[in-house]
């Protein structure tokens, strides 16, 4: 049985030796460098609809062009 997410869930994670705060709530998830206010945000509806995958593919193609 699963538990309904009623409030934000915050966890600290390390990515390439840098601390980040991951917040999961009913709207989506946020990944912010520790001590900062701005970071990456992904809404659940974008993830489910495939818009997130499209944005990631576009970002990857732009990175290839910049090299």
N, C-alpha and C. Protein backbone atom coordinates (compact mmCIF):
# COMPACT_ATOMS: atom_id res chain seq x y z
N UNK A 1 0.85 -1.17 0.00
CA UNK A 1 0.00 0.00 0.00
C UNK A 1 0.90 1.24 0.00
N UNK A 2 0.50 2.24 -0.73
CA UNK A 2 1.27 3.48 -0.79
C UNK A 2 0.65 4.54 0.11
N UNK A 3 1.49 5.49 0.48
CA UNK A 3 1.04 6.59 1.33
C UNK A 3 0.89 7.84 0.47
N UNK A 4 -0.21 8.53 0.62
CA UNK A 4 -0.47 9.75 -0.14
C UNK A 4 0.51 10.85 0.31
N UNK A 5 1.03 11.59 -0.63
CA UNK A 5 1.95 12.69 -0.34
C UNK A 5 1.12 13.92 0.03
N UNK A 6 1.12 14.26 1.29
CA UNK A 6 0.30 15.38 1.77
C UNK A 6 1.10 16.65 2.01
N UNK A 7 2.39 16.54 2.22
CA UNK A 7 3.24 17.70 2.45
C UNK A 7 4.55 17.51 1.72
N UNK A 8 5.34 18.56 1.61
CA UNK A 8 6.61 18.44 0.90
C UNK A 8 7.58 17.51 1.62
N UNK A 9 8.33 16.76 0.83
CA UNK A 9 9.34 15.85 1.33
C UNK A 9 10.69 16.38 0.87
N UNK A 10 11.58 16.68 1.80
CA UNK A 10 12.89 17.26 1.45
C UNK A 10 14.00 16.29 1.84
N UNK A 11 14.96 16.14 0.92
CA UNK A 11 16.11 15.30 1.17
C UNK A 11 17.34 15.97 0.59
N UNK A 12 18.47 15.76 1.24
CA UNK A 12 19.74 16.27 0.72
C UNK A 12 20.43 15.16 -0.04
N UNK A 13 20.94 15.50 -1.24
CA UNK A 13 21.67 14.53 -2.04
C UNK A 13 22.96 15.17 -2.51
N UNK A 14 23.96 14.34 -2.80
CA UNK A 14 25.23 14.81 -3.34
C UNK A 14 25.35 14.37 -4.79
N UNK A 15 25.64 15.32 -5.66
CA UNK A 15 25.85 15.05 -7.08
C UNK A 15 27.20 15.63 -7.44
N UNK A 16 28.13 14.78 -7.82
CA UNK A 16 29.50 15.18 -8.17
C UNK A 16 30.10 16.05 -7.06
N UNK A 17 29.99 15.58 -5.84
CA UNK A 17 30.55 16.24 -4.65
C UNK A 17 29.96 17.62 -4.37
N UNK A 18 28.76 17.90 -4.86
CA UNK A 18 28.07 19.14 -4.54
C UNK A 18 26.72 18.80 -3.91
N UNK A 19 26.39 19.48 -2.81
CA UNK A 19 25.15 19.19 -2.08
C UNK A 19 23.96 19.89 -2.74
N UNK A 20 22.86 19.15 -2.86
CA UNK A 20 21.62 19.67 -3.41
C UNK A 20 20.49 19.31 -2.46
N UNK A 21 19.41 20.09 -2.52
CA UNK A 21 18.19 19.77 -1.79
C UNK A 21 17.14 19.37 -2.81
N UNK A 22 16.59 18.17 -2.64
CA UNK A 22 15.52 17.67 -3.49
C UNK A 22 14.21 17.78 -2.72
N UNK A 23 13.25 18.49 -3.29
CA UNK A 23 11.93 18.65 -2.67
C UNK A 23 10.90 18.03 -3.58
N UNK A 24 10.13 17.10 -3.02
CA UNK A 24 9.05 16.44 -3.76
C UNK A 24 7.73 16.84 -3.10
N UNK A 25 6.80 17.34 -3.91
CA UNK A 25 5.48 17.70 -3.37
C UNK A 25 4.40 17.34 -4.39
N UNK A 26 3.20 17.74 -4.13
CA UNK A 26 2.08 17.40 -5.00
C UNK A 26 2.15 18.00 -6.39
N UNK A 27 2.90 19.08 -6.56
CA UNK A 27 3.03 19.75 -7.85
C UNK A 27 4.13 19.14 -8.72
N UNK A 28 5.19 18.64 -8.09
CA UNK A 28 6.31 18.10 -8.84
C UNK A 28 7.54 17.99 -7.96
N UNK A 29 8.69 18.21 -8.57
CA UNK A 29 9.93 18.14 -7.79
C UNK A 29 10.84 19.31 -8.13
N UNK A 30 11.70 19.66 -7.15
CA UNK A 30 12.67 20.75 -7.32
C UNK A 30 14.02 20.26 -6.86
N UNK A 31 15.06 20.60 -7.61
CA UNK A 31 16.43 20.28 -7.26
C UNK A 31 17.20 21.59 -7.22
N UNK A 32 17.66 21.95 -6.02
CA UNK A 32 18.28 23.26 -5.80
C UNK A 32 19.62 23.06 -5.12
N UNK A 33 20.68 23.75 -5.60
CA UNK A 33 21.95 23.68 -4.87
C UNK A 33 21.76 24.12 -3.42
N UNK A 34 22.39 23.42 -2.51
CA UNK A 34 22.24 23.70 -1.07
C UNK A 34 22.59 25.16 -0.79
N UNK A 35 21.72 25.85 -0.08
CA UNK A 35 21.94 27.24 0.28
C UNK A 35 21.44 28.23 -0.76
N UNK A 36 20.86 27.75 -1.84
CA UNK A 36 20.34 28.62 -2.90
C UNK A 36 18.83 28.56 -2.93
N UNK A 37 18.22 29.48 -3.67
CA UNK A 37 16.77 29.50 -3.81
C UNK A 37 16.30 29.04 -5.18
N UNK A 38 17.13 29.23 -6.17
CA UNK A 38 16.74 28.89 -7.54
C UNK A 38 17.42 27.59 -7.97
N UNK A 39 16.69 26.81 -8.73
CA UNK A 39 17.22 25.55 -9.22
C UNK A 39 16.34 25.01 -10.33
N UNK A 40 16.34 23.71 -10.50
CA UNK A 40 15.54 23.07 -11.52
C UNK A 40 14.20 22.64 -10.95
N UNK A 41 13.15 22.84 -11.71
CA UNK A 41 11.81 22.46 -11.26
C UNK A 41 11.13 21.68 -12.37
N UNK A 42 10.47 20.59 -12.00
CA UNK A 42 9.77 19.76 -12.96
C UNK A 42 8.40 19.42 -12.40
N UNK A 43 7.36 19.79 -13.14
CA UNK A 43 6.00 19.49 -12.70
C UNK A 43 5.62 18.09 -13.15
N UNK A 44 4.80 17.43 -12.35
CA UNK A 44 4.38 16.06 -12.65
C UNK A 44 3.68 15.98 -14.00
N UNK A 45 2.85 16.98 -14.34
CA UNK A 45 2.11 16.91 -15.60
C UNK A 45 3.05 16.98 -16.80
N UNK A 46 4.17 17.69 -16.69
CA UNK A 46 5.16 17.73 -17.77
C UNK A 46 5.86 16.39 -17.91
N UNK A 47 6.11 15.75 -16.80
CA UNK A 47 6.76 14.44 -16.81
C UNK A 47 5.84 13.39 -17.43
N UNK A 48 4.58 13.40 -17.04
CA UNK A 48 3.62 12.41 -17.53
C UNK A 48 3.29 12.62 -19.00
N UNK A 49 3.18 13.87 -19.43
CA UNK A 49 2.79 14.16 -20.82
C UNK A 49 3.93 13.96 -21.81
N UNK A 50 5.16 13.85 -21.32
CA UNK A 50 6.29 13.69 -22.22
C UNK A 50 6.99 15.00 -22.54
N UNK A 51 6.45 16.12 -22.07
CA UNK A 51 7.08 17.41 -22.33
C UNK A 51 8.47 17.48 -21.72
N UNK A 52 8.67 16.83 -20.59
CA UNK A 52 9.97 16.84 -19.94
C UNK A 52 11.01 16.13 -20.80
N UNK A 53 10.62 15.01 -21.40
CA UNK A 53 11.54 14.28 -22.27
C UNK A 53 11.87 15.10 -23.51
N UNK A 54 10.89 15.79 -24.05
CA UNK A 54 11.11 16.64 -25.21
C UNK A 54 12.07 17.77 -24.87
N UNK A 55 11.90 18.39 -23.71
CA UNK A 55 12.79 19.48 -23.29
C UNK A 55 14.21 18.96 -23.08
N UNK A 56 14.35 17.78 -22.49
CA UNK A 56 15.68 17.20 -22.28
C UNK A 56 16.37 16.90 -23.61
N UNK A 57 15.62 16.38 -24.57
CA UNK A 57 16.18 16.10 -25.89
C UNK A 57 16.61 17.38 -26.59
N UNK A 58 15.80 18.42 -26.48
CA UNK A 58 16.15 19.71 -27.07
C UNK A 58 17.40 20.28 -26.43
N UNK A 59 17.48 20.21 -25.12
CA UNK A 59 18.66 20.71 -24.40
C UNK A 59 19.90 19.94 -24.84
N UNK A 60 19.79 18.64 -24.97
CA UNK A 60 20.91 17.82 -25.40
C UNK A 60 21.37 18.18 -26.82
N UNK A 61 20.43 18.43 -27.71
CA UNK A 61 20.80 18.80 -29.07
C UNK A 61 21.46 20.17 -29.12
N UNK A 62 21.02 21.09 -28.26
CA UNK A 62 21.65 22.41 -28.21
C UNK A 62 23.07 22.32 -27.67
N UNK A 63 23.28 21.45 -26.68
CA UNK A 63 24.63 21.27 -26.12
C UNK A 63 25.57 20.72 -27.19
N UNK A 64 25.08 19.84 -28.05
CA UNK A 64 25.89 19.27 -29.12
C UNK A 64 26.29 20.36 -30.10
N UNK A 65 25.37 21.27 -30.42
CA UNK A 65 25.67 22.36 -31.35
C UNK A 65 26.68 23.34 -30.80
N UNK A 66 26.70 23.54 -29.48
CA UNK A 66 27.60 24.51 -28.86
C UNK A 66 29.05 24.04 -28.86
N UNK A 67 29.26 22.73 -29.00
CA UNK A 67 30.63 22.18 -28.94
C UNK A 67 31.37 22.41 -30.19
